């Protein structure tokens, strides 16, 4: 059988039911517990963990997160759609990457003329 979201081949004992869909464990976790950019506890945890490990700026981020951050910083402000197009990622991947960058206090959302932009945290 296949996961109905990612199309990965899974066995019956690896399948999870979620609102009528058959999902693999990764897609099930994403569906049940999506990353949230606005999560004060996650920000606290991420900043303290990074600080205690001597990390600052983009240190310790994945290469994709570093590239997304550089893209945002160079442009000054971007929409989620621009990031998805530039990096060929899904809405779910965008949400996860931006949540991590937000938790590290590297980017934030900014509403302007009815649109939400992602901008450097500064």
N, C-alpha and C. Protein backbone atom coordinates (compact mmCIF):
# COMPACT_ATOMS: atom_id res chain seq x y z
N UNK A 1 0.84 -1.18 0.00
CA UNK A 1 0.00 0.00 0.00
C UNK A 1 0.88 1.24 0.00
N UNK A 2 0.27 2.37 -0.35
CA UNK A 2 1.01 3.63 -0.43
C UNK A 2 0.43 4.66 0.52
N UNK A 3 1.31 5.49 1.05
CA UNK A 3 0.88 6.65 1.83
C UNK A 3 0.13 7.57 0.86
N UNK A 4 -1.01 8.05 1.27
CA UNK A 4 -1.82 8.88 0.38
C UNK A 4 -1.31 10.31 0.25
N UNK A 5 -0.34 10.69 1.06
CA UNK A 5 0.24 12.03 0.93
C UNK A 5 1.55 12.02 0.16
N UNK A 6 2.50 11.20 0.60
CA UNK A 6 3.83 11.22 -0.03
C UNK A 6 4.01 10.13 -1.08
N UNK A 7 3.06 9.22 -1.14
CA UNK A 7 3.08 8.12 -2.11
C UNK A 7 4.17 7.08 -1.83
N UNK A 8 4.76 7.12 -0.65
CA UNK A 8 5.78 6.14 -0.29
C UNK A 8 5.12 4.78 -0.05
N UNK A 9 5.77 3.73 -0.47
CA UNK A 9 5.29 2.37 -0.28
C UNK A 9 5.46 2.02 1.20
N UNK A 10 4.38 1.55 1.84
CA UNK A 10 4.42 1.18 3.26
C UNK A 10 3.70 -0.14 3.46
N UNK A 11 4.08 -0.84 4.52
CA UNK A 11 3.38 -2.08 4.85
C UNK A 11 2.17 -1.75 5.72
N UNK A 12 1.29 -2.71 5.86
CA UNK A 12 0.06 -2.48 6.63
C UNK A 12 0.34 -2.10 8.07
N UNK A 13 1.37 -2.71 8.68
CA UNK A 13 1.67 -2.38 10.07
C UNK A 13 2.37 -1.03 10.23
N UNK A 14 2.77 -0.40 9.13
CA UNK A 14 3.37 0.94 9.17
C UNK A 14 2.34 2.03 8.86
N UNK A 15 1.12 1.63 8.56
CA UNK A 15 0.08 2.57 8.13
C UNK A 15 -0.69 3.13 9.31
N UNK A 16 -1.03 4.41 9.21
CA UNK A 16 -1.85 5.09 10.21
C UNK A 16 -3.06 5.68 9.51
N UNK A 17 -4.21 5.55 10.12
CA UNK A 17 -5.41 6.16 9.58
C UNK A 17 -5.58 7.55 10.15
N UNK A 18 -5.90 8.51 9.29
CA UNK A 18 -6.11 9.88 9.75
C UNK A 18 -7.16 10.53 8.86
N UNK A 19 -8.35 10.78 9.41
CA UNK A 19 -9.47 11.37 8.67
C UNK A 19 -9.68 10.72 7.31
N UNK A 20 -9.71 9.39 7.32
CA UNK A 20 -9.98 8.64 6.10
C UNK A 20 -8.80 8.42 5.19
N UNK A 21 -7.64 8.97 5.54
CA UNK A 21 -6.43 8.77 4.73
C UNK A 21 -5.57 7.69 5.35
N UNK A 22 -4.82 6.99 4.53
CA UNK A 22 -3.82 6.03 5.00
C UNK A 22 -2.48 6.73 4.85
N UNK A 23 -1.77 6.91 5.99
CA UNK A 23 -0.53 7.68 5.99
C UNK A 23 0.63 6.89 6.56
N UNK A 24 1.84 7.22 6.10
CA UNK A 24 3.06 6.68 6.70
C UNK A 24 3.28 7.41 8.02
N UNK A 25 4.24 6.97 8.82
CA UNK A 25 4.46 7.60 10.12
C UNK A 25 4.88 9.06 9.99
N UNK A 26 5.73 9.40 9.01
CA UNK A 26 6.16 10.80 8.84
C UNK A 26 4.98 11.71 8.50
N UNK A 27 4.16 11.30 7.55
CA UNK A 27 3.01 12.12 7.15
C UNK A 27 1.98 12.21 8.27
N UNK A 28 1.83 11.13 9.04
CA UNK A 28 0.90 11.13 10.17
C UNK A 28 1.35 12.14 11.22
N UNK A 29 2.63 12.15 11.53
CA UNK A 29 3.15 13.11 12.51
C UNK A 29 2.98 14.53 11.99
N UNK A 30 3.29 14.76 10.71
CA UNK A 30 3.10 16.09 10.12
C UNK A 30 1.64 16.53 10.18
N UNK A 31 0.73 15.60 9.94
CA UNK A 31 -0.70 15.93 9.96
C UNK A 31 -1.19 16.22 11.38
N UNK A 32 -0.77 15.42 12.31
CA UNK A 32 -1.22 15.56 13.70
C UNK A 32 -0.56 16.69 14.46
N UNK A 33 0.72 16.91 14.17
CA UNK A 33 1.49 17.89 14.93
C UNK A 33 2.27 18.82 14.01
N UNK A 34 1.57 19.67 13.25
CA UNK A 34 2.29 20.55 12.33
C UNK A 34 3.15 21.56 13.09
N UNK A 35 4.28 21.92 12.49
CA UNK A 35 5.15 22.93 13.09
C UNK A 35 4.43 24.26 13.09
N UNK A 36 4.57 25.01 14.16
CA UNK A 36 3.93 26.31 14.27
C UNK A 36 5.01 27.37 14.46
N UNK A 37 4.99 28.38 13.61
CA UNK A 37 5.99 29.44 13.69
C UNK A 37 5.84 30.24 14.99
N UNK A 38 4.62 30.46 15.41
CA UNK A 38 4.36 31.26 16.60
C UNK A 38 4.17 30.32 17.79
N UNK A 39 5.26 29.95 18.42
CA UNK A 39 5.24 29.02 19.54
C UNK A 39 6.28 29.49 20.55
N UNK A 40 5.85 30.28 21.55
CA UNK A 40 6.80 30.86 22.51
C UNK A 40 7.70 29.83 23.19
N UNK A 41 7.16 28.66 23.52
CA UNK A 41 7.98 27.63 24.17
C UNK A 41 9.06 27.12 23.23
N UNK A 42 8.73 26.95 21.94
CA UNK A 42 9.71 26.49 20.95
C UNK A 42 10.80 27.54 20.77
N UNK A 43 10.43 28.82 20.77
CA UNK A 43 11.42 29.89 20.65
C UNK A 43 12.36 29.86 21.85
N UNK A 44 11.79 29.76 23.04
CA UNK A 44 12.59 29.71 24.26
C UNK A 44 13.55 28.53 24.21
N UNK A 45 13.01 27.37 23.88
CA UNK A 45 13.81 26.15 23.85
C UNK A 45 14.93 26.25 22.80
N UNK A 46 14.59 26.70 21.60
CA UNK A 46 15.58 26.79 20.52
C UNK A 46 16.67 27.79 20.84
N UNK A 47 16.29 28.97 21.34
CA UNK A 47 17.31 29.99 21.62
C UNK A 47 18.22 29.57 22.76
N UNK A 48 17.66 28.94 23.79
CA UNK A 48 18.49 28.51 24.92
C UNK A 48 19.40 27.35 24.53
N UNK A 49 18.89 26.42 23.75
CA UNK A 49 19.69 25.29 23.31
C UNK A 49 20.84 25.77 22.42
N UNK A 50 20.53 26.66 21.48
CA UNK A 50 21.56 27.20 20.58
C UNK A 50 22.61 27.96 21.39
N UNK A 51 22.15 28.76 22.33
CA UNK A 51 23.05 29.54 23.17
C UNK A 51 23.98 28.63 23.98
N UNK A 52 23.41 27.59 24.58
CA UNK A 52 24.23 26.69 25.41
C UNK A 52 25.22 25.88 24.57
N UNK A 53 24.94 25.72 23.27
CA UNK A 53 25.85 25.01 22.37
C UNK A 53 26.79 25.96 21.63
N UNK A 54 26.74 27.24 21.98
CA UNK A 54 27.62 28.22 21.36
C UNK A 54 27.27 28.55 19.91
N UNK A 55 26.02 28.32 19.52
CA UNK A 55 25.60 28.59 18.15
C UNK A 55 24.94 29.96 18.04
N UNK A 56 25.23 30.64 16.95
CA UNK A 56 24.56 31.91 16.69
C UNK A 56 24.34 32.04 15.19
N UNK A 57 23.46 32.96 14.82
CA UNK A 57 23.18 33.15 13.40
C UNK A 57 22.70 31.87 12.76
N UNK A 58 23.30 31.53 11.62
CA UNK A 58 22.86 30.35 10.87
C UNK A 58 23.63 29.08 11.23
N UNK A 59 24.51 29.18 12.21
CA UNK A 59 25.26 27.99 12.64
C UNK A 59 24.28 26.91 13.13
N UNK A 60 24.51 25.69 12.72
CA UNK A 60 23.70 24.56 13.18
C UNK A 60 22.44 24.33 12.36
N UNK A 61 22.16 25.20 11.39
CA UNK A 61 20.99 25.01 10.54
C UNK A 61 21.33 24.08 9.39
N UNK A 62 20.31 23.48 8.80
CA UNK A 62 20.54 22.65 7.61
C UNK A 62 20.92 23.55 6.45
N UNK A 63 21.48 22.98 5.41
CA UNK A 63 21.86 23.79 4.24
C UNK A 63 20.63 24.43 3.62
N UNK A 64 19.50 23.74 3.59
CA UNK A 64 18.28 24.34 3.04
C UNK A 64 17.84 25.53 3.88
N UNK A 65 17.87 25.39 5.19
CA UNK A 65 17.49 26.51 6.06
C UNK A 65 18.42 27.70 5.87
N UNK A 66 19.71 27.42 5.71
CA UNK A 66 20.67 28.50 5.47
C UNK A 66 20.39 29.19 4.14
N UNK A 67 20.07 28.42 3.12
CA UNK A 67 19.78 28.99 1.80
C UNK A 67 18.49 29.82 1.83
N UNK A 68 17.48 29.32 2.52
CA UNK A 68 16.22 30.07 2.63
C UNK A 68 16.46 31.36 3.38
N UNK A 69 17.21 31.30 4.47
CA UNK A 69 17.51 32.51 5.24
C UNK A 69 18.26 33.53 4.38
N UNK A 70 19.27 33.08 3.64
CA UNK A 70 20.03 33.98 2.77
C UNK A 70 19.12 34.61 1.72
N UNK A 71 18.20 33.83 1.17
CA UNK A 71 17.25 34.33 0.17
C UNK A 71 16.38 35.44 0.77
N UNK A 72 15.87 35.21 1.98
CA UNK A 72 15.04 36.20 2.66
C UNK A 72 15.85 37.45 2.97
N UNK A 73 17.03 37.25 3.51
CA UNK A 73 17.90 38.38 3.89
C UNK A 73 18.28 39.22 2.67
N UNK A 74 18.63 38.57 1.57
CA UNK A 74 19.02 39.29 0.35
C UNK A 74 17.86 40.07 -0.26
N UNK A 75 16.66 39.50 -0.22
CA UNK A 75 15.49 40.16 -0.81
C UNK A 75 14.88 41.20 0.14
N UNK A 76 15.08 41.02 1.45
CA UNK A 76 14.49 41.94 2.42
C UNK A 76 13.12 41.49 2.90
N UNK A 77 12.30 41.04 1.98
CA UNK A 77 11.00 40.48 2.33
C UNK A 77 10.54 39.60 1.17
N UNK A 78 9.95 38.48 1.51
CA UNK A 78 9.46 37.54 0.49
C UNK A 78 8.16 36.92 0.97
N UNK A 79 7.41 36.41 0.03
CA UNK A 79 6.20 35.67 0.38
C UNK A 79 6.56 34.18 0.47
N UNK A 80 5.69 33.44 1.11
CA UNK A 80 5.87 31.99 1.17
C UNK A 80 5.88 31.37 -0.22
N UNK A 81 5.04 31.90 -1.10
CA UNK A 81 4.98 31.39 -2.47
C UNK A 81 6.31 31.57 -3.19
N UNK A 82 6.98 32.70 -2.96
CA UNK A 82 8.28 32.92 -3.59
C UNK A 82 9.31 31.91 -3.11
N UNK A 83 9.27 31.60 -1.82
CA UNK A 83 10.21 30.61 -1.26
C UNK A 83 9.91 29.23 -1.83
N UNK A 84 8.63 28.86 -1.88
CA UNK A 84 8.28 27.54 -2.41
C UNK A 84 8.72 27.41 -3.86
N UNK A 85 8.54 28.45 -4.64
CA UNK A 85 8.94 28.41 -6.05
C UNK A 85 10.46 28.36 -6.19
N UNK A 86 11.17 29.19 -5.44
CA UNK A 86 12.63 29.26 -5.53
C UNK A 86 13.29 27.94 -5.15
N UNK A 87 12.78 27.30 -4.09
CA UNK A 87 13.42 26.09 -3.56
C UNK A 87 12.67 24.80 -3.91
N UNK A 88 11.59 24.94 -4.66
CA UNK A 88 10.80 23.79 -5.08
C UNK A 88 10.41 22.90 -3.90
N UNK A 89 9.80 23.54 -2.92
CA UNK A 89 9.35 22.81 -1.73
C UNK A 89 7.83 22.95 -1.61
N UNK A 90 7.23 22.06 -0.85
CA UNK A 90 5.79 22.07 -0.64
C UNK A 90 5.41 23.06 0.46
N UNK A 91 4.12 23.30 0.57
CA UNK A 91 3.60 24.17 1.63
C UNK A 91 3.99 23.63 3.00
N UNK A 92 3.89 22.31 3.18
CA UNK A 92 4.25 21.71 4.46
C UNK A 92 5.74 21.89 4.76
N UNK A 93 6.59 21.69 3.74
CA UNK A 93 8.03 21.90 3.94
C UNK A 93 8.33 23.36 4.27
N UNK A 94 7.64 24.26 3.58
CA UNK A 94 7.82 25.69 3.86
C UNK A 94 7.48 25.97 5.31
N UNK A 95 6.35 25.48 5.76
CA UNK A 95 5.92 25.71 7.13
C UNK A 95 6.96 25.21 8.13
N UNK A 96 7.51 24.03 7.89
CA UNK A 96 8.50 23.46 8.80
C UNK A 96 9.79 24.27 8.80
N UNK A 97 10.26 24.68 7.63
CA UNK A 97 11.52 25.43 7.54
C UNK A 97 11.38 26.82 8.17
N UNK A 98 10.27 27.50 7.88
CA UNK A 98 10.05 28.83 8.44
C UNK A 98 9.86 28.75 9.95
N UNK A 99 9.19 27.72 10.43
CA UNK A 99 9.02 27.56 11.88
C UNK A 99 10.38 27.44 12.56
N UNK A 100 11.27 26.67 11.99
CA UNK A 100 12.61 26.53 12.58
C UNK A 100 13.34 27.87 12.58
N UNK A 101 13.30 28.57 11.46
CA UNK A 101 13.97 29.88 11.38
C UNK A 101 13.35 30.87 12.35
N UNK A 102 12.04 30.80 12.52
CA UNK A 102 11.36 31.69 13.46
C UNK A 102 11.73 31.34 14.89
N UNK A 103 11.80 30.06 15.20
CA UNK A 103 12.15 29.64 16.56
C UNK A 103 13.57 30.07 16.92
N UNK A 104 14.43 30.18 15.91
CA UNK A 104 15.81 30.63 16.13
C UNK A 104 15.91 32.15 16.09
N UNK A 105 14.78 32.82 15.99
CA UNK A 105 14.69 34.28 15.90
C UNK A 105 15.53 34.85 14.76
N UNK A 106 15.43 34.18 13.60
CA UNK A 106 16.12 34.65 12.40
C UNK A 106 15.16 35.33 11.43
N UNK A 107 13.90 34.89 11.41
CA UNK A 107 12.89 35.52 10.54
C UNK A 107 11.60 35.71 11.34
N UNK A 108 10.74 36.55 10.78
CA UNK A 108 9.43 36.77 11.38
C UNK A 108 8.45 37.11 10.27
N UNK A 109 7.19 37.04 10.57
CA UNK A 109 6.16 37.43 9.62
C UNK A 109 5.86 38.91 9.76
N UNK A 110 5.51 39.52 8.64
CA UNK A 110 5.15 40.95 8.66
C UNK A 110 4.00 41.15 7.67
N UNK A 111 2.92 41.72 8.16
CA UNK A 111 1.76 41.95 7.30
C UNK A 111 1.89 43.34 6.67
N UNK A 112 1.67 43.38 5.36
CA UNK A 112 1.80 44.63 4.63
C UNK A 112 0.79 44.62 3.48
N UNK A 113 -0.09 45.60 3.45
CA UNK A 113 -1.11 45.69 2.41
C UNK A 113 -1.90 44.40 2.24
N UNK A 114 -2.24 43.77 3.34
CA UNK A 114 -3.04 42.55 3.30
C UNK A 114 -2.28 41.29 2.95
N UNK A 115 -0.97 41.39 2.72
CA UNK A 115 -0.12 40.23 2.40
C UNK A 115 0.82 39.96 3.57
N UNK A 116 1.14 38.69 3.75
CA UNK A 116 2.11 38.33 4.79
C UNK A 116 3.45 38.08 4.12
N UNK A 117 4.46 38.78 4.59
CA UNK A 117 5.82 38.62 4.10
C UNK A 117 6.67 38.00 5.20
N UNK A 118 7.70 37.30 4.79
CA UNK A 118 8.68 36.77 5.72
C UNK A 118 9.89 37.68 5.61
N UNK A 119 10.31 38.21 6.73
CA UNK A 119 11.40 39.19 6.75
C UNK A 119 12.44 38.78 7.78
N UNK A 120 13.67 39.30 7.64
CA UNK A 120 14.67 39.03 8.68
C UNK A 120 14.17 39.52 10.04
N UNK A 121 14.56 38.86 11.11
CA UNK A 121 14.07 39.15 12.45
C UNK A 121 14.49 40.54 12.94
N UNK A 122 15.64 41.02 12.53
CA UNK A 122 16.20 42.28 13.04
C UNK A 122 15.20 43.39 13.17
